[in-house]
Amino acid sequence: MALFVTSRTSHIISFVRRKCIAASVSSFFTGAKHTAAQNDVQASSSKLNANTQFTVFYRFPYITAARFISRLKLYQTTVVVIAVPPTIYYYSIGAIGLEPCMGMAAVSTLALVMLYIFANFFQRVVGLVALSSDQKLVRFSHLTFFGGRNDVIVPVGDIVPLSDTDERSEDIFVKVRRYSTTDTLYMSVIHGHIENAETFHKVFGILS
């Protein structure tokens, strides 16, 4: 079981390295819109009836591994960045040469860039999807920057059906798009567990 999880995790990491750079660059220019949309969703979700119940119909079993990788990358970057000032100090007093100092600065820069890329992608990975009891709202649960959980609640009618997009069933991750914003989430149909196929097709349509 451990080997299986490790294999799937490595597969996902490879996908991240290939595709999330473009997504992160795009999100840099749409960050303000993303924040505004999040605020609007959170404001509307706060007005939900306290008796509103949600039933989970999709789970991503590797979200725990994604949380671990996200937090590990954060801790790793923190350690590397903290090591930069002492390195500069030792260089200034002549204890080390220029090459180690430049090397540490390069590693620190690379760590920050990779943290941004990984964090940006993993914040968009959907771990749970649930439908409200009145079948009008969908709750997406995804990771925060620090590896916590954040819930986004949107109307069912705001979700673009997968059948209306260029996503394919063999893709490791498919983009979940909305009509009201250009912000997207990522969901794995291949590796995810669909607990209720009828509800899934009702919300997302049929993936080609």
C-alpha atoms as a PDB file:
ATOM      1  CA  MET A   1       0.000   0.000   0.000  1.00  0.00           C
ATOM      2  CA  ALA A   2       2.837   2.390   0.857  1.00  0.00           C
ATOM      3  CA  LEU A   3       4.511   1.708  -2.490  1.00  0.00           C
ATOM      4  CA  PHE A   4       1.215   2.362  -4.280  1.00  0.00           C
ATOM      5  CA  VAL A   5       0.728   5.722  -2.548  1.00  0.00           C
ATOM      6  CA  THR A   6       4.350   6.681  -3.199  1.00  0.00           C
ATOM      7  CA  SER A   7       3.973   5.803  -6.872  1.00  0.00           C
ATOM      8  CA  ARG A   8       0.794   7.852  -7.231  1.00  0.00           C
ATOM      9  CA  THR A   9       2.347  10.764  -5.379  1.00  0.00           C
ATOM     10  CA  SER A  10       5.390  10.737  -7.660  1.00  0.00           C
ATOM     11  CA  HIS A  11       3.057  10.663 -10.661  1.00  0.00           C
ATOM     12  CA  ILE A  12       1.207  13.706  -9.394  1.00  0.00           C
ATOM     13  CA  ILE A  13       4.465  15.579  -8.672  1.00  0.00           C
ATOM     14  CA  SER A  14       5.597  14.939 -12.255  1.00  0.00           C
ATOM     15  CA  PHE A  15       2.347  16.408 -13.519  1.00  0.00           C
ATOM     16  CA  VAL A  16       2.823  19.463 -11.330  1.00  0.00           C
ATOM     17  CA  ARG A  17       6.296  20.092 -12.709  1.00  0.00           C
ATOM     18  CA  ARG A  18       5.031  19.913 -16.303  1.00  0.00           C
ATOM     19  CA  LYS A  19       1.860  21.974 -16.127  1.00  0.00           C
ATOM     20  CA  CYS A  20       1.592  24.206 -13.099  1.00  0.00           C
ATOM     21  CA  ILE A  21       4.167  26.798 -14.233  1.00  0.00           C
ATOM     22  CA  ALA A  22       1.751  28.127 -16.847  1.00  0.00           C
ATOM     23  CA  ALA A  23      -1.061  28.125 -14.319  1.00  0.00           C
ATOM     24  CA  SER A  24       1.015  30.008 -11.766  1.00  0.00           C
ATOM     25  CA  VAL A  25       1.988  32.678 -14.292  1.00  0.00           C
ATOM     26  CA  SER A  26      -1.655  33.096 -15.251  1.00  0.00           C
ATOM     27  CA  SER A  27      -2.727  33.347 -11.627  1.00  0.00           C
ATOM     28  CA  PHE A  28      -0.171  36.099 -11.038  1.00  0.00           C
ATOM     29  CA  PHE A  29      -2.175  38.382 -13.320  1.00  0.00           C
ATOM     30  CA  THR A  30      -5.577  37.215 -12.049  1.00  0.00           C
ATOM     31  CA  GLY A  31      -4.748  37.183  -8.348  1.00  0.00           C
ATOM     32  CA  ALA A  32      -6.904  40.208  -7.579  1.00  0.00           C
ATOM     33  CA  LYS A  33      -9.897  38.638  -9.307  1.00  0.00           C
ATOM     34  CA  HIS A  34      -9.317  35.397  -7.447  1.00  0.00           C
ATOM     35  CA  THR A  35      -9.289  37.179  -4.093  1.00  0.00           C
ATOM     36  CA  ALA A  36     -12.413  39.139  -4.919  1.00  0.00           C
ATOM     37  CA  ALA A  37     -14.247  36.005  -6.011  1.00  0.00           C
ATOM     38  CA  GLN A  38     -13.189  34.193  -2.862  1.00  0.00           C
ATOM     39  CA  ASN A  39     -14.458  37.052  -0.706  1.00  0.00           C
ATOM     40  CA  ASP A  40     -17.799  37.080  -2.525  1.00  0.00           C
ATOM     41  CA  VAL A  41     -18.205  33.326  -2.109  1.00  0.00           C
ATOM     42  CA  GLN A  42     -17.273  33.409   1.556  1.00  0.00           C
ATOM     43  CA  ALA A  43     -19.694  36.282   2.157  1.00  0.00           C
ATOM     44  CA  SER A  44     -22.555  34.379   0.533  1.00  0.00           C
ATOM     45  CA  SER A  45     -21.673  31.137   2.318  1.00  0.00           C
ATOM     46  CA  SER A  46     -21.842  32.911   5.668  1.00  0.00           C
ATOM     47  CA  LYS A  47     -25.518  33.583   4.988  1.00  0.00           C
ATOM     48  CA  LEU A  48     -26.346  29.885   4.538  1.00  0.00           C
ATOM     49  CA  ASN A  49     -29.034  28.408   6.661  1.00  0.00           C
ATOM     50  CA  ALA A  50     -27.523  26.673   9.666  1.00  0.00           C
ATOM     51  CA  ASN A  51     -29.583  23.588   8.800  1.00  0.00           C
ATOM     52  CA  THR A  52     -28.135  23.277   5.307  1.00  0.00           C
ATOM     53  CA  GLN A  53     -26.583  19.840   4.915  1.00  0.00           C
ATOM     54  CA  PHE A  54     -24.008  18.777   2.350  1.00  0.00           C
ATOM     55  CA  THR A  55     -23.480  15.256   1.045  1.00  0.00           C
ATOM     56  CA  VAL A  56     -20.010  14.372  -0.265  1.00  0.00           C
ATOM     57  CA  PHE A  57     -20.055  12.732  -3.686  1.00  0.00           C
ATOM     58  CA  TYR A  58     -16.376  13.058  -4.662  1.00  0.00           C
ATOM     59  CA  ARG A  59     -13.143  12.511  -2.732  1.00  0.00           C
ATOM     60  CA  PHE A  60      -9.498  12.799  -3.733  1.00  0.00           C
ATOM     61  CA  PRO A  61      -7.703  10.146  -1.631  1.00  0.00           C
ATOM     62  CA  TYR A  62      -4.259  11.686  -2.138  1.00  0.00           C
ATOM     63  CA  ILE A  63      -5.120  15.104  -0.730  1.00  0.00           C
ATOM     64  CA  THR A  64      -3.271  14.100   2.458  1.00  0.00           C
ATOM     65  CA  ALA A  65      -0.112  13.489   0.423  1.00  0.00           C
ATOM     66  CA  ALA A  66      -0.623  16.851  -1.306  1.00  0.00           C
ATOM     67  CA  ARG A  67      -0.962  18.536   2.102  1.00  0.00           C
ATOM     68  CA  PHE A  68       2.244  16.862   3.282  1.00  0.00           C
ATOM     69  CA  ILE A  69       4.186  17.939   0.194  1.00  0.00           C
ATOM     70  CA  SER A  70       2.840  21.493   0.464  1.00  0.00           C
ATOM     71  CA  ARG A  71       3.847  21.842   4.113  1.00  0.00           C
ATOM     72  CA  LEU A  72       7.213  20.130   3.548  1.00  0.00           C
ATOM     73  CA  LYS A  73       8.009  22.569   0.755  1.00  0.00           C
ATOM     74  CA  LEU A  74       7.046  25.472   3.023  1.00  0.00           C
ATOM     75  CA  TYR A  75       9.305  24.264   5.838  1.00  0.00           C
ATOM     76  CA  GLN A  76      12.153  23.542   3.439  1.00  0.00           C
ATOM     77  CA  THR A  77      11.946  27.005   1.907  1.00  0.00           C
ATOM     78  CA  THR A  78      11.831  28.623   5.345  1.00  0.00           C
ATOM     79  CA  VAL A  79      15.017  26.841   6.430  1.00  0.00           C
ATOM     80  CA  VAL A  80      16.851  27.778   3.229  1.00  0.00           C
ATOM     81  CA  VAL A  81      15.801  31.428   3.384  1.00  0.00           C
ATOM     82  CA  ILE A  82      16.788  31.707   7.058  1.00  0.00           C
ATOM     83  CA  ALA A  83      20.235  30.379   6.169  1.00  0.00           C
ATOM     84  CA  VAL A  84      20.909  33.253   3.754  1.00  0.00           C
ATOM     85  CA  PRO A  85      21.653  36.058   6.300  1.00  0.00           C
ATOM     86  CA  PRO A  86      24.261  33.980   8.235  1.00  0.00           C
ATOM     87  CA  THR A  87      25.879  33.036   4.923  1.00  0.00           C
ATOM     88  CA  ILE A  88      26.154  36.696   3.928  1.00  0.00           C
ATOM     89  CA  TYR A  89      27.551  37.543   7.353  1.00  0.00           C
ATOM     90  CA  TYR A  90      30.260  34.878   7.173  1.00  0.00           C
ATOM     91  CA  TYR A  91      31.144  36.079   3.687  1.00  0.00           C
ATOM     92  CA  SER A  92      31.439  39.669   4.922  1.00  0.00           C
ATOM     93  CA  ILE A  93      33.960  38.647   7.606  1.00  0.00           C
ATOM     94  CA  GLY A  94      35.889  36.489   5.171  1.00  0.00           C
ATOM     95  CA  ALA A  95      35.005  33.146   6.731  1.00  0.00           C
ATOM     96  CA  ILE A  96      33.674  31.767   3.433  1.00  0.00           C
ATOM     97  CA  GLY A  97      34.233  32.562  -0.211  1.00  0.00           C
ATOM     98  CA  LEU A  98      31.979  34.186  -2.776  1.00  0.00           C
ATOM     99  CA  GLU A  99      30.921  30.933  -4.442  1.00  0.00           C
ATOM    100  CA  PRO A 100      29.220  29.395  -1.351  1.00  0.00           C
ATOM    101  CA  CYS A 101      27.473  32.707  -0.703  1.00  0.00           C
ATOM    102  CA  MET A 102      26.198  32.954  -4.284  1.00  0.00           C
ATOM    103  CA  GLY A 103      25.224  29.302  -4.210  1.00  0.00           C
ATOM    104  CA  MET A 104      23.094  29.770  -1.107  1.00  0.00           C
ATOM    105  CA  ALA A 105      21.424  32.821  -2.645  1.00  0.00           C
ATOM    106  CA  ALA A 106      20.651  30.829  -5.805  1.00  0.00           C
ATOM    107  CA  VAL A 107      19.231  27.907  -3.820  1.00  0.00           C
ATOM    108  CA  SER A 108      17.106  30.297  -1.779  1.00  0.00           C
ATOM    109  CA  THR A 109      15.726  31.959  -4.906  1.00  0.00           C
ATOM    110  CA  LEU A 110      14.964  28.611  -6.514  1.00  0.00           C
ATOM    111  CA  ALA A 111      13.236  27.417  -3.320  1.00  0.00           C
ATOM    112  CA  LEU A 112      11.010  30.515  -3.280  1.00  0.00           C
ATOM    113  CA  VAL A 113      10.056  30.054  -6.932  1.00  0.00           C
ATOM    114  CA  MET A 114       9.267  26.369  -6.441  1.00  0.00           C
ATOM    115  CA  LEU A 115       7.272  27.158  -3.306  1.00  0.00           C
ATOM    116  CA  TYR A 116       5.146  29.597  -5.254  1.00  0.00           C
ATOM    117  CA  ILE A 117       4.565  27.088  -8.061  1.00  0.00           C
ATOM    118  CA  PHE A 118       3.755  24.156  -5.794  1.00  0.00           C
ATOM    119  CA  ALA A 119       1.617  26.190  -3.392  1.00  0.00           C
ATOM    120  CA  ASN A 120      -0.296  27.779  -6.249  1.00  0.00           C
ATOM    121  CA  PHE A 121      -1.121  24.376  -7.723  1.00  0.00           C
ATOM    122  CA  PHE A 122      -1.915  22.503  -4.524  1.00  0.00           C
ATOM    123  CA  GLN A 123      -4.217  25.316  -3.374  1.00  0.00           C
ATOM    124  CA  ARG A 124      -6.341  24.537  -6.420  1.00  0.00           C
ATOM    125  CA  VAL A 125      -6.545  20.752  -5.951  1.00  0.00           C
ATOM    126  CA  VAL A 126     -10.033  19.712  -4.853  1.00  0.00           C
ATOM    127  CA  GLY A 127     -10.112  17.216  -1.992  1.00  0.00           C
ATOM    128  CA  LEU A 128     -13.870  16.966  -1.457  1.00  0.00           C
ATOM    129  CA  VAL A 129     -16.967  17.964  -3.415  1.00  0.00           C
ATOM    130  CA  ALA A 130     -20.379  17.970  -1.758  1.00  0.00           C
ATOM    131  CA  LEU A 131     -23.912  18.869  -2.841  1.00  0.00           C
ATOM    132  CA  SER A 132     -26.387  20.684  -0.592  1.00  0.00           C
ATOM    133  CA  SER A 133     -29.636  19.045   0.498  1.00  0.00           C
ATOM    134  CA  ASP A 134     -31.653  21.326  -1.804  1.00  0.00           C
ATOM    135  CA  GLN A 135     -29.274  20.471  -4.699  1.00  0.00           C
ATOM    136  CA  LYS A 136     -28.635  24.142  -5.437  1.00  0.00           C
ATOM    137  CA  LEU A 137     -25.141  24.610  -3.957  1.00  0.00           C
ATOM    138  CA  VAL A 138     -21.841  22.800  -4.346  1.00  0.00           C
ATOM    139  CA  ARG A 139     -19.080  22.908  -1.737  1.00  0.00           C
ATOM    140  CA  PHE A 140     -15.488  22.523  -2.920  1.00  0.00           C
ATOM    141  CA  SER A 141     -12.893  21.767  -0.251  1.00  0.00           C
ATOM    142  CA  HIS A 142      -9.284  22.526  -1.154  1.00  0.00           C
ATOM    143  CA  LEU A 143      -5.988  23.345   0.543  1.00  0.00           C
ATOM    144  CA  THR A 144      -4.810  26.720   1.788  1.00  0.00           C
ATOM    145  CA  PHE A 145      -1.262  28.053   1.435  1.00  0.00           C
ATOM    146  CA  PHE A 146      -0.320  26.521   4.796  1.00  0.00           C
ATOM    147  CA  GLY A 147      -1.898  23.153   4.020  1.00  0.00           C
ATOM    148  CA  GLY A 148      -5.166  23.749   5.844  1.00  0.00           C
ATOM    149  CA  ARG A 149      -8.678  23.275   4.489  1.00  0.00           C
ATOM    150  CA  ASN A 150     -10.790  25.932   2.814  1.00  0.00           C
ATOM    151  CA  ASP A 151     -14.387  25.515   1.639  1.00  0.00           C
ATOM    152  CA  VAL A 152     -15.762  27.374  -1.377  1.00  0.00           C
ATOM    153  CA  ILE A 153     -19.515  27.258  -1.921  1.00  0.00           C
ATOM    154  CA  VAL A 154     -20.909  28.049  -5.374  1.00  0.00           C
ATOM    155  CA  PRO A 155     -24.285  27.658  -7.115  1.00  0.00           C
ATOM    156  CA  VAL A 156     -24.653  24.550  -9.247  1.00  0.00           C
ATOM    157  CA  GLY A 157     -25.595  26.704 -12.231  1.00  0.00           C
ATOM    158  CA  ASP A 158     -22.299  28.584 -12.005  1.00  0.00           C
ATOM    159  CA  ILE A 159     -20.234  25.476 -12.779  1.00  0.00           C
ATOM    160  CA  VAL A 160     -19.242  24.943 -16.411  1.00  0.00           C
ATOM    161  CA  PRO A 161     -20.045  21.324 -17.406  1.00  0.00           C
ATOM    162  CA  LEU A 162     -16.939  19.296 -18.198  1.00  0.00           C
ATOM    163  CA  SER A 163     -18.606  18.256 -21.445  1.00  0.00           C
ATOM    164  CA  ASP A 164     -18.498  21.916 -22.550  1.00  0.00           C
ATOM    165  CA  THR A 165     -14.748  22.221 -22.008  1.00  0.00           C
ATOM    166  CA  ASP A 166     -11.683  20.783 -23.718  1.00  0.00           C
ATOM    167  CA  GLU A 167     -10.875  18.524 -20.738  1.00  0.00           C
ATOM    168  CA  ARG A 168     -10.413  14.816 -21.445  1.00  0.00           C
ATOM    169  CA  SER A 169     -11.167  11.787 -19.297  1.00  0.00           C
ATOM    170  CA  GLU A 170      -7.572  10.519 -19.568  1.00  0.00           C
ATOM    171  CA  ASP A 171      -6.117  13.724 -18.086  1.00  0.00           C
ATOM    172  CA  ILE A 172      -4.665  13.306 -14.593  1.00  0.00           C
ATOM    173  CA  PHE A 173      -6.350  16.533 -13.524  1.00  0.00           C
ATOM    174  CA  VAL A 174      -9.222  18.367 -15.176  1.00  0.00           C
ATOM    175  CA  LYS A 175     -10.028  22.037 -14.667  1.00  0.00           C
ATOM    176  CA  VAL A 176     -13.227  22.966 -12.870  1.00  0.00           C
ATOM    177  CA  ARG A 177     -14.349  26.246 -14.386  1.00  0.00           C
ATOM    178  CA  ARG A 178     -17.078  28.698 -13.401  1.00  0.00           C
ATOM    179  CA  TYR A 179     -19.061  31.189 -15.435  1.00  0.00           C
ATOM    180  CA  SER A 180     -18.686  34.001 -12.896  1.00  0.00           C
ATOM    181  CA  THR A 181     -14.875  34.001 -12.663  1.00  0.00           C
ATOM    182  CA  THR A 182     -11.761  32.987 -14.568  1.00  0.00           C
ATOM    183  CA  ASP A 183     -10.403  31.271 -11.459  1.00  0.00           C
ATOM    184  CA  THR A 184     -10.154  27.481 -11.738  1.00  0.00           C
ATOM    185  CA  LEU A 185      -9.774  24.442  -9.524  1.00  0.00           C
ATOM    186  CA  TYR A 186      -8.224  21.073 -10.373  1.00  0.00           C
ATOM    187  CA  MET A 187      -9.984  17.747  -9.892  1.00  0.00           C
ATOM    188  CA  SER A 188      -8.688  14.252 -10.667  1.00  0.00           C
ATOM    189  CA  VAL A 189     -11.360  12.014 -12.157  1.00  0.00           C
ATOM    190  CA  ILE A 190      -8.896   9.173 -12.767  1.00  0.00           C
ATOM    191  CA  HIS A 191      -7.445   9.001  -9.255  1.00  0.00           C
ATOM    192  CA  GLY A 192     -10.392  10.500  -7.397  1.00  0.00           C
ATOM    193  CA  HIS A 193     -13.218   8.469  -5.892  1.00  0.00           C
ATOM    194  CA  ILE A 194     -16.709   9.276  -7.177  1.00  0.00           C
ATOM    195  CA  GLU A 195     -19.074   8.117  -4.444  1.00  0.00           C
ATOM    196  CA  ASN A 196     -22.248   9.026  -6.313  1.00  0.00           C
ATOM    197  CA  ALA A 197     -21.939   8.932 -10.101  1.00  0.00           C
ATOM    198  CA  GLU A 198     -25.463  10.256 -10.672  1.00  0.00           C
ATOM    199  CA  THR A 199     -24.810  13.373  -8.587  1.00  0.00           C
ATOM    200  CA  PHE A 200     -21.390  13.863 -10.181  1.00  0.00           C
ATOM    201  CA  HIS A 201     -22.870  13.802 -13.687  1.00  0.00           C
ATOM    202  CA  LYS A 202     -25.668  16.127 -12.617  1.00  0.00           C
ATOM    203  CA  VAL A 203     -23.197  18.726 -11.349  1.00  0.00           C
ATOM    204  CA  PHE A 204     -20.309  18.370 -13.818  1.00  0.00           C
ATOM    205  CA  GLY A 205     -21.868  16.646 -16.811  1.00  0.00           C
ATOM    206  CA  ILE A 206     -20.258  13.747 -18.635  1.00  0.00           C
ATOM    207  CA  LEU A 207     -16.530  13.987 -19.355  1.00  0.00           C
ATOM    208  CA  SER A 208     -15.582  13.039 -22.901  1.00  0.00           C
END
